[in-house]
């Protein structure tokens, strides 16, 4: 598993360097970045996908788990942006 984590970080650095887009570490960084509108569009699209697929249901009287946005720039196998 350690190798995967290392290669994922290398890939993020490569994509960030190649595109000039800094990948935010958290929501507040995403909202303050020059690409804030793009990150916001991606978050809205992700939430709409969850809702359309009825991915979750909210149980009554249960503790809701915390969550965290994870930001990535997706690329095709040839390295071009999706």
Protein backbone atom coordinates (compact mmCIF):
# COMPACT_ATOMS: atom_id res chain seq x y z
CA UNK A 1 0.00 0.00 0.00
CA UNK A 2 2.91 2.34 0.68
CA UNK A 3 3.99 2.22 -2.97
CA UNK A 4 0.51 3.21 -4.16
CA UNK A 5 0.42 6.24 -1.86
CA UNK A 6 3.84 7.37 -3.07
CA UNK A 7 2.91 7.00 -6.74
CA UNK A 8 -0.38 8.84 -6.18
CA UNK A 9 1.52 11.78 -4.66
CA UNK A 10 3.99 11.76 -7.55
CA UNK A 11 1.11 11.75 -10.03
CA UNK A 12 -0.56 14.69 -8.24
CA UNK A 13 2.69 16.64 -8.30
CA UNK A 14 3.17 15.87 -12.00
CA UNK A 15 -0.38 16.93 -12.91
CA UNK A 16 -0.17 20.04 -10.74
CA UNK A 17 3.16 21.05 -12.31
CA UNK A 18 1.96 20.29 -15.84
CA UNK A 19 -1.36 22.17 -15.55
CA UNK A 20 -0.24 24.97 -13.26
CA UNK A 21 -3.23 24.18 -11.04
CA UNK A 22 -2.46 23.71 -7.37
CA UNK A 23 -4.49 20.87 -5.90
CA UNK A 24 -6.22 22.06 -2.70
CA UNK A 25 -5.79 20.08 0.50
CA UNK A 26 -9.17 21.12 1.93
CA UNK A 27 -12.44 22.90 1.15
CA UNK A 28 -11.24 26.30 2.35
CA UNK A 29 -8.20 26.11 0.05
CA UNK A 30 -10.45 25.17 -2.86
CA UNK A 31 -12.72 28.16 -2.26
CA UNK A 32 -9.74 30.54 -2.10
CA UNK A 33 -7.95 29.20 -5.17
CA UNK A 34 -7.95 30.94 -8.57
CA UNK A 35 -9.88 27.91 -9.87
CA UNK A 36 -12.56 28.15 -7.16
CA UNK A 37 -15.43 28.14 -9.67
CA UNK A 38 -14.10 24.96 -11.32
CA UNK A 39 -13.73 23.18 -7.96
CA UNK A 40 -17.25 24.32 -6.98
CA UNK A 41 -18.68 22.98 -10.26
CA UNK A 42 -16.95 19.64 -9.65
CA UNK A 43 -18.33 19.43 -6.09
CA UNK A 44 -21.87 20.21 -7.28
CA UNK A 45 -21.56 17.59 -10.02
CA UNK A 46 -20.37 15.01 -7.48
CA UNK A 47 -23.26 15.72 -5.09
CA UNK A 48 -25.78 15.58 -7.94
CA UNK A 49 -24.37 12.19 -8.93
CA UNK A 50 -24.86 10.89 -5.37
CA UNK A 51 -28.44 12.18 -5.31
CA UNK A 52 -29.29 10.82 -8.78
CA UNK A 53 -27.95 7.38 -7.84
CA UNK A 54 -29.63 7.47 -4.41
CA UNK A 55 -26.26 6.64 -2.92
CA UNK A 56 -27.23 7.19 0.69
CA UNK A 57 -30.09 7.44 3.10
CA UNK A 58 -30.03 9.34 6.36
CA UNK A 59 -31.03 7.05 9.26
CA UNK A 60 -32.96 8.53 12.16
CA UNK A 61 -31.27 9.00 15.53
CA UNK A 62 -27.83 7.98 14.33
CA UNK A 63 -24.58 9.86 14.56
CA UNK A 64 -23.63 11.23 11.15
CA UNK A 65 -20.05 10.50 10.11
CA UNK A 66 -17.73 13.35 9.27
CA UNK A 67 -16.59 13.66 5.70
CA UNK A 68 -13.91 15.42 3.73
CA UNK A 69 -13.60 16.59 0.15
CA UNK A 70 -10.67 15.07 -1.70
CA UNK A 71 -9.52 17.08 -4.70
CA UNK A 72 -7.87 15.52 -7.75
CA UNK A 73 -7.28 16.47 -11.34
CA UNK A 74 -8.36 13.49 -13.42
CA UNK A 75 -6.36 12.54 -16.49
CA UNK A 76 -6.64 10.05 -19.32
CA UNK A 77 -4.03 7.30 -19.66
CA UNK A 78 -2.08 9.51 -22.07
CA UNK A 79 -1.87 12.27 -19.45
CA UNK A 80 -4.41 14.60 -21.06
CA UNK A 81 -7.01 16.19 -18.81
CA UNK A 82 -10.48 14.67 -18.61
